[in-house]
């Protein structure tokens, strides 16, 4: 069993910043990749960013230059630094971890960006 716990969400004004964290625990031998997804009201969940255990990184086009994903493999933790936030970034943000045993998800943390 693998558990993921997100933290760092909240309310922020447009142009502000937030830093999300996600810590994985449980039956972990090796994590191939970790990433962030988000879901706005009435919309499908979408991919935001991914980082592999080797450090390879990919971003959704709309967040490039504003968001930074990073990780601490020894602590099984992934971060998402979000700068220059826009109202359209408002969503529940979910952490994901991909292991050989399967894909695991956190419960999500709400990010609200006001105009």
C-alpha atoms as a PDB file:
ATOM      1  CA  UNK A   1       0.000   0.000   0.000  1.00  0.00           C
ATOM      2  CA  UNK A   2       1.175   3.505  -0.902  1.00  0.00           C
ATOM      3  CA  UNK A   3      -0.158   6.731   0.562  1.00  0.00           C
ATOM      4  CA  UNK A   4       0.259  10.227  -0.895  1.00  0.00           C
ATOM      5  CA  UNK A   5      -0.439  13.382   1.100  1.00  0.00           C
ATOM      6  CA  UNK A   6      -0.545  16.824  -0.534  1.00  0.00           C
ATOM      7  CA  UNK A   7      -0.196  20.138   1.257  1.00  0.00           C
ATOM      8  CA  UNK A   8       0.256  23.831   0.480  1.00  0.00           C
ATOM      9  CA  UNK A   9      -3.008  24.741  -1.220  1.00  0.00           C
ATOM     10  CA  UNK A  10      -4.946  27.862  -0.337  1.00  0.00           C
ATOM     11  CA  UNK A  11      -6.329  31.190  -1.489  1.00  0.00           C
ATOM     12  CA  UNK A  12      -4.047  33.624  -3.293  1.00  0.00           C
ATOM     13  CA  UNK A  13      -4.468  36.744  -5.421  1.00  0.00           C
ATOM     14  CA  UNK A  14      -3.606  36.764  -9.109  1.00  0.00           C
ATOM     15  CA  UNK A  15       0.130  37.207  -9.546  1.00  0.00           C
ATOM     16  CA  UNK A  16       0.897  35.517  -6.247  1.00  0.00           C
ATOM     17  CA  UNK A  17       2.721  32.287  -5.465  1.00  0.00           C
ATOM     18  CA  UNK A  18       2.120  28.965  -3.737  1.00  0.00           C
ATOM     19  CA  UNK A  19       4.288  25.910  -3.150  1.00  0.00           C
ATOM     20  CA  UNK A  20       2.653  22.488  -3.116  1.00  0.00           C
ATOM     21  CA  UNK A  21       4.242  19.430  -1.521  1.00  0.00           C
ATOM     22  CA  UNK A  22       3.451  15.725  -1.791  1.00  0.00           C
ATOM     23  CA  UNK A  23       5.015  13.049   0.395  1.00  0.00           C
ATOM     24  CA  UNK A  24       4.722   9.348  -0.426  1.00  0.00           C
ATOM     25  CA  UNK A  25       4.854   6.643   2.221  1.00  0.00           C
ATOM     26  CA  UNK A  26       4.099   2.949   2.653  1.00  0.00           C
ATOM     27  CA  UNK A  27       5.285  -0.010   0.583  1.00  0.00           C
ATOM     28  CA  UNK A  28       7.729   1.910  -1.582  1.00  0.00           C
ATOM     29  CA  UNK A  29      10.726   0.249  -3.181  1.00  0.00           C
ATOM     30  CA  UNK A  30      11.235   2.563  -6.142  1.00  0.00           C
ATOM     31  CA  UNK A  31       9.225   5.403  -7.716  1.00  0.00           C
ATOM     32  CA  UNK A  32       9.602   5.714 -11.477  1.00  0.00           C
ATOM     33  CA  UNK A  33       7.971   9.129 -11.713  1.00  0.00           C
ATOM     34  CA  UNK A  34       5.842  11.629  -9.821  1.00  0.00           C
ATOM     35  CA  UNK A  35       3.596  14.320 -11.163  1.00  0.00           C
ATOM     36  CA  UNK A  36       0.855  16.848 -10.626  1.00  0.00           C
ATOM     37  CA  UNK A  37      -2.636  16.934 -12.118  1.00  0.00           C
ATOM     38  CA  UNK A  38      -5.493  19.365 -11.589  1.00  0.00           C
ATOM     39  CA  UNK A  39      -9.255  19.430 -11.982  1.00  0.00           C
ATOM     40  CA  UNK A  40     -11.336  22.591 -12.233  1.00  0.00           C
ATOM     41  CA  UNK A  41     -15.088  22.571 -11.524  1.00  0.00           C
ATOM     42  CA  UNK A  42     -17.025  20.973 -14.366  1.00  0.00           C
ATOM     43  CA  UNK A  43     -13.885  19.913 -16.221  1.00  0.00           C
ATOM     44  CA  UNK A  44     -11.883  16.720 -16.613  1.00  0.00           C
ATOM     45  CA  UNK A  45      -8.674  16.149 -14.726  1.00  0.00           C
ATOM     46  CA  UNK A  46      -5.660  17.341 -16.697  1.00  0.00           C
ATOM     47  CA  UNK A  47      -1.944  16.716 -16.464  1.00  0.00           C
ATOM     48  CA  UNK A  48       0.245  19.611 -15.287  1.00  0.00           C
ATOM     49  CA  UNK A  49       3.834  18.404 -14.785  1.00  0.00           C
ATOM     50  CA  UNK A  50       5.919  15.247 -14.377  1.00  0.00           C
ATOM     51  CA  UNK A  51       9.392  14.486 -13.054  1.00  0.00           C
ATOM     52  CA  UNK A  52      11.135  11.109 -13.301  1.00  0.00           C
ATOM     53  CA  UNK A  53      13.448   9.534 -10.754  1.00  0.00           C
ATOM     54  CA  UNK A  54      16.326  10.540 -13.042  1.00  0.00           C
ATOM     55  CA  UNK A  55      15.263  14.190 -13.113  1.00  0.00           C
ATOM     56  CA  UNK A  56      13.620  14.475 -16.544  1.00  0.00           C
ATOM     57  CA  UNK A  57      10.860  17.112 -16.496  1.00  0.00           C
ATOM     58  CA  UNK A  58       7.856  17.961 -18.658  1.00  0.00           C
ATOM     59  CA  UNK A  59       5.204  20.689 -18.279  1.00  0.00           C
ATOM     60  CA  UNK A  60       1.820  21.526 -19.676  1.00  0.00           C
ATOM     61  CA  UNK A  61       2.309  24.415 -22.119  1.00  0.00           C
ATOM     62  CA  UNK A  62       0.136  26.873 -20.187  1.00  0.00           C
ATOM     63  CA  UNK A  63       2.288  26.634 -17.031  1.00  0.00           C
ATOM     64  CA  UNK A  64       5.744  26.741 -18.629  1.00  0.00           C
ATOM     65  CA  UNK A  65       7.817  29.585 -17.227  1.00  0.00           C
ATOM     66  CA  UNK A  66       5.534  29.945 -14.203  1.00  0.00           C
ATOM     67  CA  UNK A  67       5.570  26.542 -12.465  1.00  0.00           C
ATOM     68  CA  UNK A  68       8.585  24.512 -11.360  1.00  0.00           C
ATOM     69  CA  UNK A  69       8.445  20.840 -10.378  1.00  0.00           C
ATOM     70  CA  UNK A  70      11.186  19.317  -8.249  1.00  0.00           C
ATOM     71  CA  UNK A  71      11.741  16.226  -6.132  1.00  0.00           C
ATOM     72  CA  UNK A  72      13.713  14.699  -3.298  1.00  0.00           C
ATOM     73  CA  UNK A  73      14.005  11.018  -4.181  1.00  0.00           C
ATOM     74  CA  UNK A  74      15.472  10.097  -0.797  1.00  0.00           C
ATOM     75  CA  UNK A  75      12.354  11.498   0.893  1.00  0.00           C
ATOM     76  CA  UNK A  76       9.914  10.315  -1.806  1.00  0.00           C
ATOM     77  CA  UNK A  77       8.620  13.860  -2.028  1.00  0.00           C
ATOM     78  CA  UNK A  78       7.653  16.038  -5.001  1.00  0.00           C
ATOM     79  CA  UNK A  79       7.064  19.802  -5.030  1.00  0.00           C
ATOM     80  CA  UNK A  80       5.320  22.267  -7.321  1.00  0.00           C
ATOM     81  CA  UNK A  81       6.367  25.901  -7.045  1.00  0.00           C
ATOM     82  CA  UNK A  82       3.658  28.033  -8.656  1.00  0.00           C
ATOM     83  CA  UNK A  83       4.436  31.664  -9.499  1.00  0.00           C
ATOM     84  CA  UNK A  84       2.490  34.347 -11.377  1.00  0.00           C
ATOM     85  CA  UNK A  85      -0.741  32.525 -10.641  1.00  0.00           C
ATOM     86  CA  UNK A  86      -3.801  33.242 -12.771  1.00  0.00           C
ATOM     87  CA  UNK A  87      -7.513  32.745 -12.040  1.00  0.00           C
ATOM     88  CA  UNK A  88      -7.565  29.929 -14.609  1.00  0.00           C
ATOM     89  CA  UNK A  89      -5.125  28.005 -12.399  1.00  0.00           C
ATOM     90  CA  UNK A  90      -7.922  27.555  -9.844  1.00  0.00           C
ATOM     91  CA  UNK A  91      -8.460  23.823  -9.338  1.00  0.00           C
ATOM     92  CA  UNK A  92      -7.985  20.884  -7.032  1.00  0.00           C
ATOM     93  CA  UNK A  93      -4.391  19.744  -7.487  1.00  0.00           C
ATOM     94  CA  UNK A  94      -3.615  16.033  -7.209  1.00  0.00           C
ATOM     95  CA  UNK A  95      -0.286  14.313  -6.682  1.00  0.00           C
ATOM     96  CA  UNK A  96       0.501  11.103  -8.583  1.00  0.00           C
ATOM     97  CA  UNK A  97       3.231   8.502  -8.143  1.00  0.00           C
ATOM     98  CA  UNK A  98       4.013   5.773 -10.663  1.00  0.00           C
ATOM     99  CA  UNK A  99       5.537   2.597  -9.265  1.00  0.00           C
ATOM    100  CA  UNK A 100       6.056  -0.859 -10.713  1.00  0.00           C
ATOM    101  CA  UNK A 101       3.131  -1.952  -8.518  1.00  0.00           C
ATOM    102  CA  UNK A 102       0.807   0.633 -10.044  1.00  0.00           C
ATOM    103  CA  UNK A 103      -0.290   4.260 -10.083  1.00  0.00           C
ATOM    104  CA  UNK A 104      -1.267   6.018  -6.854  1.00  0.00           C
ATOM    105  CA  UNK A 105      -3.080   9.284  -6.104  1.00  0.00           C
ATOM    106  CA  UNK A 106      -3.427  11.726  -3.241  1.00  0.00           C
ATOM    107  CA  UNK A 107      -6.733  13.197  -2.093  1.00  0.00           C
ATOM    108  CA  UNK A 108      -5.970  16.612  -3.574  1.00  0.00           C
ATOM    109  CA  UNK A 109      -5.426  20.138  -2.306  1.00  0.00           C
ATOM    110  CA  UNK A 110      -7.499  23.142  -3.392  1.00  0.00           C
ATOM    111  CA  UNK A 111      -5.843  26.149  -5.027  1.00  0.00           C
ATOM    112  CA  UNK A 112      -8.020  29.229  -5.493  1.00  0.00           C
ATOM    113  CA  UNK A 113      -6.692  32.259  -7.378  1.00  0.00           C
ATOM    114  CA  UNK A 114      -8.764  35.435  -7.104  1.00  0.00           C
ATOM    115  CA  UNK A 115      -8.828  38.298  -9.616  1.00  0.00           C
END
